[in-house]
C-alpha cells in the first residue's frame, strides 16, 4: 500500500515532472577553507558525549548511490555520527549522510540547513537540484542538507522488495467489500512487519524529535552558534519541533509549505482532501470546465477503473483506480504539471492508461526497470513512530461520508488511508500532535501558499500561532502549487531573501499576490 499524499517534498514533485539532474564526476577535492580543520567552537548540545561533540567531518567527493548519481560541481559529502538512542547518548551510534557546497561569496553568514520534506526525502540527492533556486542564498551560506535517520544513505529502511511493491499496487485502497477490507488491512500489517524485520532497533529511533536532536548536533559540528534553517513541507514540522526543543539556538528559520501542527491523523487527512480538491478545482477552471462537473467526471472515471482497470503501453501492467488517483495527485503539486494532467486524463477517457500510469510511477519512484525508491518506506516508519493514533476500521468508515463531502475525488482515498497507514504497527507512536511552541526563539518566517494542495494554507497561521507571540511571522502568497519560494513570486523570494540574508523580518501578515 502506498500513501497517496503525505506532506511530500516540493522538489520531488517538480523533479518528477521535469528532467532529472545530470550525474557525473564531482570534480577534484578542494580545501574546505579551514571549516573542519579544528574542533567546533559553537556551544555543544547538552548531554552529548565529548567524542561526538568534538568530531570533525571529513568532507570528500560524493559517490553514486543506488538511486542517484553523484552531483556535478563543488558538492562534498561527509558522515556525521549521532547517538542511535538520544535517551542513551553514550550508547550505540548511527551514521548520517551530509552534503555541502560552500558559500560562493566572501561575506559568509554560516551554514543554511535544508530539509525538503516527506518525511523520508533524501536531502543528499535533493540539495544539488535545488541549488539554482537558492543561488542568491548560496552567496552567503554554505548550502547543507542530509539524509535523516532511516532515510536513503543514513541507514535507509526498505520494507519490501520491488516485486512485492508492484503486487501490492493491486490492493484496493478504497475497499468496497468485507473481503477487500481484510485484504487492505492484511497488506498494511505485512508492510509494518517488513519494516520491523528490515529496521530492527532503528525503527524505534527515527522520530522527528530524534532528527531534531541530530540537527542540533549538526549545528555544533558545523561550528554554527545558531541554526539557520529552511524547511519545506514536512520540514516545517521538523523545524517547529527543533524550535521547541532548542529555542535559544534558532537563528534565521524559514518554514515554507507549512504542516498544520494542530491537526491529528484525521485532521491531516481532511486538510489534504480539502487542499487537493481546492487545487483540482483551480486546475479545472483554467481548462474552462465547471469544477463541480469536472470533479464528478473524474470521480466517475475512477469508479470505472475500480471495476475495470485500463490497459497501458506496458503489457503486464494496467491502470488501477489507486494508480490513477496517484497519477492525478502528482501534477497538482505544481502548476507546471497541469498540462500533463490534461493530456493524461484525456488519454484515460479514450481508453489508454499509459500517461496516468507514468505519472503514478513518478510519484512512486518507479524507474523503467521496475525498481522502486524507498521514500515511502521511510516516510511511513517515521510518521507512524511520531503518531500514536491508530484509527480503527469502524472509526474510519463512520467518517468516510464527511471526507467524501469535502472531496468527491480524494476524500475516500484519504479517509481509508487513516485506517491502513499505521494499522497493526509494531512500534507505538509518540504523540497525537507535535509540540512546536518556542517561547524566546528568534522570529521564524512562516510562508503559506493559498493554493497549496498537500499542506493547505490554513496550516501556516496555525503554525505561527503555535510557535508563539513574537516568534511566528506569516508571509502569504496567493499562488498555486506546493510551496511558495522559487515558484515565480518576486515578492515572496525578495522577502525570504531579505530575512535570510539581512535578518529583515517582514510585517506579520504580509501578502504577496
Protein backbone atom coordinates (compact mmCIF):
# COMPACT_ATOMS: atom_id res chain seq x y z
CA UNK A 1 0.00 0.00 0.00
CA UNK A 2 1.32 3.46 -0.91
CA UNK A 3 0.21 6.57 0.92
CA UNK A 4 -1.10 8.78 -1.81
CA UNK A 5 -0.50 12.19 -0.34
CA UNK A 6 1.57 12.86 2.71
CA UNK A 7 3.46 16.16 3.00
CA UNK A 8 5.77 15.12 0.20
CA UNK A 9 8.75 17.19 -0.86
CA UNK A 10 8.14 20.14 -3.16
CA UNK A 11 11.25 19.49 -5.18
CA UNK A 12 10.49 15.79 -5.54
CA UNK A 13 7.25 16.54 -7.30
CA UNK A 14 8.84 19.16 -9.51
CA UNK A 15 11.72 16.88 -10.43
CA UNK A 16 9.39 14.08 -11.46
CA UNK A 17 7.63 16.40 -13.91
CA UNK A 18 10.83 17.66 -15.50
CA UNK A 19 14.22 16.25 -16.44
CA UNK A 20 16.33 14.98 -13.56
CA UNK A 21 19.78 16.28 -12.65
CA UNK A 22 22.75 15.10 -14.62
CA UNK A 23 25.28 12.86 -12.99
CA UNK A 24 28.99 12.61 -13.49
CA UNK A 25 32.21 13.48 -11.80
CA UNK A 26 32.05 15.74 -8.78
CA UNK A 27 35.41 17.28 -9.64
CA UNK A 28 38.62 17.44 -7.68
CA UNK A 29 38.67 17.73 -3.93
CA UNK A 30 39.48 21.20 -2.66
CA UNK A 31 40.41 22.72 0.64
CA UNK A 32 37.35 23.47 2.78
CA UNK A 33 38.56 26.87 3.93
CA UNK A 34 39.50 25.58 7.33
CA UNK A 35 35.88 24.88 8.26
CA UNK A 36 36.59 21.35 9.50
CA UNK A 37 40.24 21.74 10.41
CA UNK A 38 39.67 22.42 14.09
CA UNK A 39 37.30 21.36 16.81
CA UNK A 40 33.99 23.28 16.71
CA UNK A 41 33.68 26.39 18.88
CA UNK A 42 29.86 26.67 18.83
CA UNK A 43 28.08 25.70 22.05
CA UNK A 44 27.79 21.93 22.34
CA UNK A 45 24.36 20.30 22.75
CA UNK A 46 23.70 19.32 26.36
CA UNK A 47 24.44 15.70 27.22
CA UNK A 48 26.31 14.84 24.03
CA UNK A 49 29.42 12.70 24.64
CA UNK A 50 32.68 14.53 24.03
CA UNK A 51 33.67 12.10 21.27
CA UNK A 52 30.57 13.03 19.28
CA UNK A 53 30.60 16.72 20.13
CA UNK A 54 34.22 17.13 19.02
CA UNK A 55 34.03 15.02 15.85
CA UNK A 56 35.41 16.57 12.69
CA UNK A 57 33.67 15.97 9.39
CA UNK A 58 35.81 14.54 6.61
CA UNK A 59 34.38 16.25 3.53
CA UNK A 60 35.17 14.40 0.31
CA UNK A 61 33.76 13.87 -3.14
CA UNK A 62 30.26 12.42 -3.24
CA UNK A 63 29.70 8.93 -4.58
CA UNK A 64 26.97 7.48 -6.77
CA UNK A 65 24.15 5.79 -4.88
CA UNK A 66 21.69 3.11 -5.93
CA UNK A 67 19.05 5.76 -6.66
CA UNK A 68 21.03 8.81 -7.85
CA UNK A 69 24.38 9.71 -9.44
CA UNK A 70 26.98 11.85 -7.72
CA UNK A 71 26.35 15.56 -8.31
CA UNK A 72 28.47 17.76 -10.53
CA UNK A 73 30.32 20.81 -9.23
CA UNK A 74 31.64 21.66 -5.80
CA UNK A 75 29.43 19.38 -3.74
CA UNK A 76 31.15 17.46 -0.96
CA UNK A 77 29.81 14.71 1.27
CA UNK A 78 30.59 13.61 4.82
CA UNK A 79 29.29 11.34 7.57
CA UNK A 80 28.15 12.55 10.98
CA UNK A 81 27.91 10.17 13.92
CA UNK A 82 24.92 10.62 16.25
CA UNK A 83 23.52 8.55 19.12
CA UNK A 84 21.16 5.83 17.94
CA UNK A 85 19.09 6.43 21.09
CA UNK A 86 19.13 10.02 22.33
CA UNK A 87 17.99 8.72 25.74
CA UNK A 88 21.31 6.85 25.87
CA UNK A 89 23.79 9.20 24.15
CA UNK A 90 26.80 7.16 25.31
CA UNK A 91 25.49 4.04 23.59
CA UNK A 92 25.46 2.83 20.01
CA UNK A 93 25.78 5.40 17.22
CA UNK A 94 24.20 5.88 13.80
CA UNK A 95 25.83 7.33 10.66
CA UNK A 96 24.11 10.29 8.99
CA UNK A 97 24.99 11.28 5.40
CA UNK A 98 25.55 15.01 4.77
CA UNK A 99 26.15 17.09 1.64
CA UNK A 100 27.52 20.63 1.37
CA UNK A 101 28.51 23.31 -1.11
CA UNK A 102 30.40 26.23 0.41
CA UNK A 103 29.26 29.83 0.15
CA UNK A 104 30.24 31.36 -3.18
CA UNK A 105 30.81 34.90 -1.85
CA UNK A 106 33.14 36.46 0.69
CA UNK A 107 30.59 37.61 3.30
CA UNK A 108 29.68 34.17 4.66
CA UNK A 109 26.95 34.03 7.33
CA UNK A 110 27.26 30.33 8.13
CA UNK A 111 25.53 27.09 7.17
CA UNK A 112 21.93 27.01 5.89
CA UNK A 113 20.44 23.59 6.60
CA UNK A 114 17.66 22.30 4.33
CA UNK A 115 15.01 19.64 4.82
CA UNK A 116 12.85 19.10 1.73
CA UNK A 117 10.02 17.13 3.26
CA UNK A 118 8.50 13.70 3.20
CA UNK A 119 9.19 12.60 5.84
CA UNK A 120 11.64 10.35 4.08
CA UNK A 121 13.03 12.65 1.40
CA UNK A 122 16.78 12.44 0.75
CA UNK A 123 18.44 15.80 1.28
CA UNK A 124 21.71 14.46 -0.15
CA UNK A 125 20.09 13.80 -3.53
CA UNK A 126 17.73 16.82 -3.42
CA UNK A 127 20.12 19.58 -2.42
CA UNK A 128 22.13 19.86 -5.67
CA UNK A 129 18.93 20.03 -7.76
CA UNK A 130 17.63 22.87 -5.56
CA UNK A 131 20.82 24.94 -5.67
CA UNK A 132 19.77 27.07 -8.65
CA UNK A 133 16.56 28.03 -6.82
CA UNK A 134 18.55 29.32 -3.84
CA UNK A 135 21.53 30.74 -5.74
CA UNK A 136 21.09 34.15 -4.06
CA UNK A 137 21.33 32.46 -0.64
CA UNK A 138 24.35 30.41 -1.75
CA UNK A 139 26.46 33.57 -1.95
CA UNK A 140 26.47 33.94 1.84
CA UNK A 141 25.59 30.49 3.12
CA UNK A 142 27.09 27.05 2.83
CA UNK A 143 24.18 25.01 1.47
CA UNK A 144 23.88 21.91 3.65
CA UNK A 145 21.43 19.03 3.70
CA UNK A 146 21.37 15.45 4.92
CA UNK A 147 19.51 12.18 4.84
CA UNK A 148 17.65 11.98 8.17
CA UNK A 149 18.00 8.77 10.16
CA UNK A 150 16.28 5.86 8.44
CA UNK A 151 16.40 7.62 5.05
CA UNK A 152 18.46 6.69 1.98
CA UNK A 153 22.20 6.83 2.80
CA UNK A 154 21.54 7.27 6.55
CA UNK A 155 20.69 3.62 7.15
CA UNK A 156 17.63 3.89 4.93
CA UNK A 157 14.84 1.41 5.56
CA UNK A 158 13.42 -0.77 2.76
CA UNK A 159 10.36 -2.65 3.97
CA UNK A 160 9.56 -4.51 0.74
CA UNK A 161 11.21 -5.72 -2.43
CA UNK A 162 10.26 -4.41 -5.85
CA UNK A 163 8.07 -7.37 -6.82
CA UNK A 164 6.12 -7.18 -3.56
CA UNK A 165 5.60 -3.43 -4.04
CA UNK A 166 4.21 -3.97 -7.52
CA UNK A 167 1.99 -6.80 -6.33
CA UNK A 168 0.60 -4.55 -3.59
CA UNK A 169 -0.49 -1.97 -6.17
CA UNK A 170 -3.39 -4.29 -6.97
CA UNK A 171 -4.76 -3.95 -3.42
CA UNK A 172 -7.88 -1.78 -3.47
CA UNK A 173 -7.22 1.38 -1.43
CA UNK A 174 -10.96 2.14 -1.21
CA UNK A 175 -12.35 -1.30 -0.37
CA UNK A 176 -16.00 -1.96 -1.20
CA UNK A 177 -16.49 -5.41 0.35
CA UNK A 178 -15.53 -7.16 3.56
CA UNK A 179 -13.02 -9.26 1.62
CA UNK A 180 -11.39 -6.16 0.14
CA UNK A 181 -11.28 -4.55 3.59
CA UNK A 182 -9.45 -7.53 5.04
CA UNK A 183 -7.02 -7.64 2.12
CA UNK A 184 -6.32 -3.93 2.62
CA UNK A 185 -5.58 -4.35 6.33
CA UNK A 186 -3.53 -7.53 5.81
CA UNK A 187 -1.34 -5.68 3.35
CA UNK A 188 -0.89 -2.81 5.81
CA UNK A 189 0.11 -5.17 8.63
CA UNK A 190 2.50 -7.06 6.36
CA UNK A 191 4.21 -3.82 5.38
CA UNK A 192 4.77 -2.95 9.04
CA UNK A 193 6.25 -6.36 9.75
CA UNK A 194 8.57 -5.96 6.77
CA UNK A 195 9.74 -2.64 8.20
CA UNK A 196 10.38 -4.20 11.60
CA UNK A 197 12.41 -7.02 10.05
CA UNK A 198 14.46 -4.60 7.96
CA UNK A 199 15.00 -1.87 10.56
CA UNK A 200 15.31 -3.76 13.83
CA UNK A 201 16.08 -1.47 16.77
CA UNK A 202 16.40 1.55 14.45
CA UNK A 203 12.62 1.50 13.93
CA UNK A 204 12.15 2.95 17.44
CA UNK A 205 14.64 5.78 16.91
CA UNK A 206 13.67 7.61 13.72
CA UNK A 207 11.16 10.09 15.13
CA UNK A 208 11.02 13.76 14.27
CA UNK A 209 12.26 14.52 17.77
CA UNK A 210 15.28 12.26 17.23
CA UNK A 211 16.05 14.08 13.98
CA UNK A 212 15.64 17.50 15.60
CA UNK A 213 18.28 16.49 18.15
CA UNK A 214 20.50 15.33 15.30
CA UNK A 215 20.13 18.81 13.80
CA UNK A 216 21.44 20.48 16.92
CA UNK A 217 24.45 18.18 16.94
CA UNK A 218 24.90 19.05 13.26
CA UNK A 219 24.77 22.76 14.06
CA UNK A 220 27.52 22.34 16.62
CA UNK A 221 29.80 20.18 14.48
CA UNK A 222 29.37 22.61 11.58
CA UNK A 223 30.58 25.29 14.03
CA UNK A 224 27.44 27.42 13.89
CA UNK A 225 26.37 29.24 17.06
CA UNK A 226 22.79 29.39 15.72
CA UNK A 227 20.87 27.07 13.41
CA UNK A 228 19.91 28.75 10.14
CA UNK A 229 17.30 26.54 8.51
CA UNK A 230 14.98 26.25 5.51
CA UNK A 231 12.25 23.64 5.96
CA UNK A 232 9.79 22.69 3.23
CA UNK A 233 6.59 20.69 3.72
CA UNK A 234 7.28 18.07 6.46
CA UNK A 235 10.49 20.05 7.00
CA UNK A 236 8.30 22.76 8.57
CA UNK A 237 7.11 20.34 11.25
CA UNK A 238 10.72 19.32 11.84
CA UNK A 239 11.70 22.98 12.13
CA UNK A 240 8.91 23.64 14.61
CA UNK A 241 9.94 20.68 16.77
CA UNK A 242 13.56 21.90 16.70
CA UNK A 243 12.48 25.39 17.73
CA UNK A 244 10.53 23.93 20.64
CA UNK A 245 13.47 21.86 21.86
CA UNK A 246 16.18 24.48 21.25
CA UNK A 247 14.55 27.94 21.13
CA UNK A 248 17.75 29.76 22.08
CA UNK A 249 19.64 28.10 19.20
CA UNK A 250 17.22 29.26 16.49
CA UNK A 251 18.88 31.60 14.01
CA UNK A 252 17.15 32.58 10.78
CA UNK A 253 14.50 29.93 10.14
CA UNK A 254 12.10 29.81 7.18
CA UNK A 255 9.20 27.34 7.00
CA UNK A 256 7.54 27.02 3.57
CA UNK A 257 4.51 24.84 2.65
CA UNK A 258 3.55 24.51 6.27
CA UNK A 259 2.19 21.44 8.02
CA UNK A 260 -0.64 22.22 10.43
CA UNK A 261 0.82 21.25 13.85
CA UNK A 262 -2.61 21.27 15.49
CA UNK A 263 -4.10 18.56 13.24
CA UNK A 264 -4.26 14.93 14.30
CA UNK A 265 -4.39 11.96 11.92
CA UNK A 266 -7.99 12.56 10.86
CA UNK A 267 -7.40 16.31 10.72
CA UNK A 268 -4.43 15.96 8.38
CA UNK A 269 -6.38 13.66 6.07
CA UNK A 270 -9.32 16.05 5.94
CA UNK A 271 -6.99 19.03 5.41
CA UNK A 272 -5.37 17.29 2.46
CA UNK A 273 -8.69 16.22 0.97
CA UNK A 274 -9.71 19.88 1.06
CA UNK A 275 -6.33 21.08 -0.24
CA UNK A 276 -6.14 18.71 -3.20
CA UNK A 277 -9.79 19.31 -4.10
CA UNK A 278 -9.14 23.06 -3.99
CA UNK A 279 -6.13 22.65 -6.30
CA UNK A 280 -8.14 20.39 -8.64
CA UNK A 281 -10.93 22.97 -8.78
CA UNK A 282 -8.41 25.68 -9.69
CA UNK A 283 -6.96 23.44 -12.39
CA UNK A 284 -10.38 22.63 -13.83
CA UNK A 285 -11.29 26.31 -14.02
CA UNK A 286 -8.20 27.02 -16.12
CA UNK A 287 -9.35 24.40 -18.63
CA UNK A 288 -12.76 26.06 -18.94
CA UNK A 289 -14.60 23.37 -17.00
CA UNK A 290 -17.07 23.79 -14.18
CA UNK A 291 -15.14 22.44 -11.14
CA UNK A 292 -18.15 20.59 -9.75
CA UNK A 293 -18.92 18.84 -13.03
CA UNK A 294 -15.24 18.24 -13.79
CA UNK A 295 -14.77 16.60 -10.40
CA UNK A 296 -17.80 14.37 -10.99
CA UNK A 297 -16.34 13.33 -14.33
CA UNK A 298 -13.01 12.38 -12.71
CA UNK A 299 -14.79 10.57 -9.88
CA UNK A 300 -16.77 8.62 -12.50
CA UNK A 301 -13.53 7.69 -14.29
CA UNK A 302 -12.06 6.41 -11.01
CA UNK A 303 -15.23 4.43 -10.32
CA UNK A 304 -14.98 2.74 -13.73
CA UNK A 305 -11.33 1.92 -13.09
CA UNK A 306 -12.28 0.28 -9.80
CA UNK A 307 -14.37 -2.19 -11.78
CA UNK A 308 -12.13 -2.48 -14.85
CA UNK A 309 -8.54 -1.19 -14.95
CA UNK A 310 -7.33 0.32 -18.21
CA UNK A 311 -4.68 -1.19 -20.49
CA UNK A 312 -1.37 0.65 -20.83
CA UNK A 313 1.64 0.55 -23.11
CA UNK A 314 3.19 -1.86 -20.61
CA UNK A 315 1.67 -5.25 -21.48
CA UNK A 316 2.00 -6.60 -17.93
CA UNK A 317 0.56 -3.57 -16.13
CA UNK A 318 -2.85 -1.95 -16.02
CA UNK A 319 -4.03 1.40 -14.66
CA UNK A 320 -5.95 0.67 -11.48
CA UNK A 321 -8.09 3.12 -9.56
CA UNK A 322 -5.36 3.70 -6.98
CA UNK A 323 -2.64 4.24 -9.58
CA UNK A 324 -4.89 6.64 -11.49
CA UNK A 325 -5.53 8.74 -8.41
CA UNK A 326 -1.79 8.78 -7.68
CA UNK A 327 -1.21 9.96 -11.24
CA UNK A 328 -3.74 12.78 -10.75
CA UNK A 329 -2.14 13.84 -7.47
CA UNK A 330 1.40 14.37 -8.79
CA UNK A 331 0.79 17.18 -11.32
CA UNK A 332 -1.29 19.10 -8.77
CA UNK A 333 1.89 19.75 -6.77
CA UNK A 334 2.98 22.34 -9.34
CA UNK A 335 1.06 24.47 -11.85
CA UNK A 336 3.69 23.49 -14.42
CA UNK A 337 2.29 19.95 -14.23
CA UNK A 338 -1.27 20.91 -15.19
CA UNK A 339 -0.81 20.39 -18.96
CA UNK A 340 0.47 16.86 -18.26
CA UNK A 341 -2.66 16.21 -16.21
CA UNK A 342 -4.89 17.37 -19.07
CA UNK A 343 -3.14 15.07 -21.51
CA UNK A 344 -3.24 12.08 -19.15
CA UNK A 345 -6.93 12.49 -18.30
CA UNK A 346 -7.83 12.85 -21.98
CA UNK A 347 -5.92 9.69 -22.84
CA UNK A 348 -7.60 7.78 -19.99
CA UNK A 349 -11.07 8.84 -21.15
CA UNK A 350 -10.10 7.48 -24.58
CA UNK A 351 -9.14 4.12 -23.07
CA UNK A 352 -5.35 4.46 -22.64
CA UNK A 353 -4.00 4.49 -19.08
CA UNK A 354 -0.33 4.88 -20.04
CA UNK A 355 0.11 8.56 -19.19
CA UNK A 356 -1.56 8.39 -15.78
CA UNK A 357 0.47 5.25 -15.04
CA UNK A 358 3.68 7.11 -15.92
CA UNK A 359 2.74 9.93 -13.55
CA UNK A 360 1.94 7.42 -10.81
CA UNK A 361 5.27 5.70 -11.36
CA UNK A 362 6.99 9.06 -10.98
CA UNK A 363 5.25 9.67 -7.66
CA UNK A 364 6.05 6.13 -6.51
CA UNK A 365 9.71 6.42 -7.59
CA UNK A 366 9.46 3.51 -10.00
CA UNK A 367 12.05 3.51 -12.78
CA UNK A 368 11.89 1.85 -16.20
CA UNK A 369 13.47 -1.34 -14.86
CA UNK A 370 10.77 -1.76 -12.22
CA UNK A 371 12.93 -0.63 -9.28
CA UNK A 372 11.19 1.48 -6.63
CA UNK A 373 12.74 4.08 -4.34
CA UNK A 374 12.33 3.95 -0.58
CA UNK A 375 10.94 7.39 0.30
CA UNK A 376 7.52 5.96 1.09
CA UNK A 377 9.06 3.28 3.32
CA UNK A 378 11.00 5.79 5.40
CA UNK A 379 8.01 8.13 5.40
CA UNK A 380 5.76 5.51 6.93
CA UNK A 381 8.28 4.36 9.52
CA UNK A 382 8.91 7.93 10.68
CA UNK A 383 5.29 9.11 10.67
CA UNK A 384 3.97 6.00 12.44
CA UNK A 385 6.60 6.43 15.17
CA UNK A 386 5.59 10.08 15.55
CA UNK A 387 1.83 9.49 15.55
CA UNK A 388 0.23 7.40 18.29
CA UNK A 389 -3.24 7.42 16.73
CA UNK A 390 -4.41 4.18 15.13
CA UNK A 391 -7.94 4.75 13.76
CA UNK A 392 -9.96 1.55 13.61
CA UNK A 393 -11.83 0.28 10.59
CA UNK A 394 -15.11 1.25 12.23
CA UNK A 395 -13.94 4.79 13.07
CA UNK A 396 -12.76 5.32 9.52
CA UNK A 397 -15.97 4.02 7.92
CA UNK A 398 -18.02 6.30 10.15
CA UNK A 399 -16.10 9.36 8.89
CA UNK A 400 -16.00 8.43 5.20
CA UNK A 401 -19.15 10.40 4.27
CA UNK A 402 -17.57 13.54 5.70
CA UNK A 403 -14.37 13.01 3.71
CA UNK A 404 -16.32 12.33 0.52
CA UNK A 405 -18.33 15.53 1.04
CA UNK A 406 -15.08 17.51 1.34
CA UNK A 407 -13.74 15.93 -1.86
CA UNK A 408 -15.57 13.61 -4.25
CA UNK A 409 -12.23 12.74 -5.88
CA UNK A 410 -9.76 12.43 -3.00
CA UNK A 411 -11.97 12.04 0.10
CA UNK A 412 -12.46 8.27 0.09
CA UNK A 413 -8.78 7.55 -0.55
CA UNK A 414 -7.58 9.82 2.23
CA UNK A 415 -10.26 8.58 4.60
CA UNK A 416 -9.33 4.93 4.09
CA UNK A 417 -5.67 5.84 4.40
CA UNK A 418 -6.17 6.75 8.06
CA UNK A 419 -7.15 3.14 8.79
CA UNK A 420 -4.39 1.48 6.78
CA UNK A 421 -1.32 3.66 7.15
CA UNK A 422 -0.26 2.54 10.64
CA UNK A 423 -2.56 -0.47 11.04
CA UNK A 424 -1.18 -3.08 13.45
CA UNK A 425 2.11 -1.17 13.53
CA UNK A 426 4.82 -2.97 15.52
CA UNK A 427 6.04 0.20 17.30
CA UNK A 428 3.93 2.56 19.42
CA UNK A 429 3.59 6.19 18.34
CA UNK A 430 4.73 9.12 20.45
CA UNK A 431 2.08 11.87 20.26
CA UNK A 432 -1.20 12.98 18.72
CA UNK A 433 0.16 16.33 17.55
CA UNK A 434 3.74 17.68 17.66
CA UNK A 435 4.79 20.29 20.22
CA UNK A 436 6.17 23.36 18.44
CA UNK A 437 5.79 26.18 20.96
CA UNK A 438 9.07 28.10 21.06
CA UNK A 439 8.96 30.95 23.60
CA UNK A 440 12.15 33.01 23.48
CA UNK A 441 13.12 31.93 19.95
CA UNK A 442 14.12 34.46 17.32
CA UNK A 443 11.40 35.35 14.75
CA UNK A 444 10.59 32.45 12.43
CA UNK A 445 9.28 33.21 8.94
CA UNK A 446 6.26 31.04 8.08
CA UNK A 447 5.32 31.08 4.38
CA UNK A 448 1.88 29.91 3.27
CA UNK A 449 0.50 29.48 -0.26
CA UNK A 450 -3.27 29.79 -0.69
CA UNK A 451 -3.29 27.19 -3.48
CA UNK A 452 -1.10 24.60 -1.78
CA UNK A 453 -2.68 21.13 -2.19
CA UNK A 454 -0.62 18.99 0.19
CA UNK A 455 -0.18 21.44 3.08
CA UNK A 456 -3.20 23.73 2.84
CA UNK A 457 -2.70 27.42 3.56
CA UNK A 458 -4.54 27.38 6.90
CA UNK A 459 -1.64 25.47 8.44
CA UNK A 460 0.68 28.47 8.15
CA UNK A 461 -1.34 30.64 10.51
CA UNK A 462 -1.78 27.75 12.93
CA UNK A 463 1.97 27.06 12.94
CA UNK A 464 2.71 30.72 13.63
CA UNK A 465 0.19 30.79 16.48
CA UNK A 466 1.64 27.62 17.99
CA UNK A 467 5.22 28.91 17.74
CA UNK A 468 4.06 31.79 19.91
CA UNK A 469 3.77 35.55 20.14
CA UNK A 470 6.67 37.44 18.58
CA UNK A 471 8.04 34.18 17.11
CA UNK A 472 5.83 33.08 14.20
CA UNK A 473 5.62 35.63 11.35
CA UNK A 474 3.29 34.78 8.43
CA UNK A 475 4.01 35.65 4.81
CA UNK A 476 1.15 34.76 2.42
CA UNK A 477 1.36 34.08 -1.31
CA UNK A 478 -1.82 33.92 -3.37
CA UNK A 479 -0.48 31.29 -5.74
CA UNK A 480 -0.69 27.65 -6.83
CA UNK A 481 1.37 24.57 -6.08
CA UNK A 482 3.15 23.08 -3.12
CA UNK A 483 5.35 25.79 -1.64
CA UNK A 484 5.96 29.45 -2.42
CA UNK A 485 9.67 30.26 -2.54
CA UNK A 486 11.13 29.87 -6.02
CA UNK A 487 7.68 29.36 -7.53
CA UNK A 488 7.50 32.59 -9.52
CA UNK A 489 6.74 35.31 -6.99
CA UNK A 490 9.40 38.04 -6.82
CA UNK A 491 7.54 39.37 -3.77
CA UNK A 492 7.94 36.09 -1.86
CA UNK A 493 11.52 35.50 -2.96
CA UNK A 494 12.68 39.00 -2.07
CA UNK A 495 11.01 38.88 1.36
CA UNK A 496 12.57 35.50 2.19
CA UNK A 497 15.98 36.60 0.85
CA UNK A 498 15.89 39.81 2.88
CA UNK A 499 15.12 37.80 6.01
CA UNK A 500 17.76 35.10 5.49
CA UNK A 501 20.49 37.40 4.14
CA UNK A 502 19.92 40.59 6.17
CA UNK A 503 17.75 39.49 9.07
CA UNK A 504 14.92 41.78 7.91
CA UNK A 505 11.68 40.35 9.28
CA UNK A 506 8.62 41.21 7.15
CA UNK A 507 5.47 42.51 8.76
CA UNK A 508 3.35 39.67 10.11
CA UNK A 509 0.50 39.11 7.66
CA UNK A 510 2.27 40.48 4.58
CA UNK A 511 0.52 39.27 1.41
CA UNK A 512 2.10 38.64 -2.00
CA UNK A 513 -0.39 38.30 -4.84
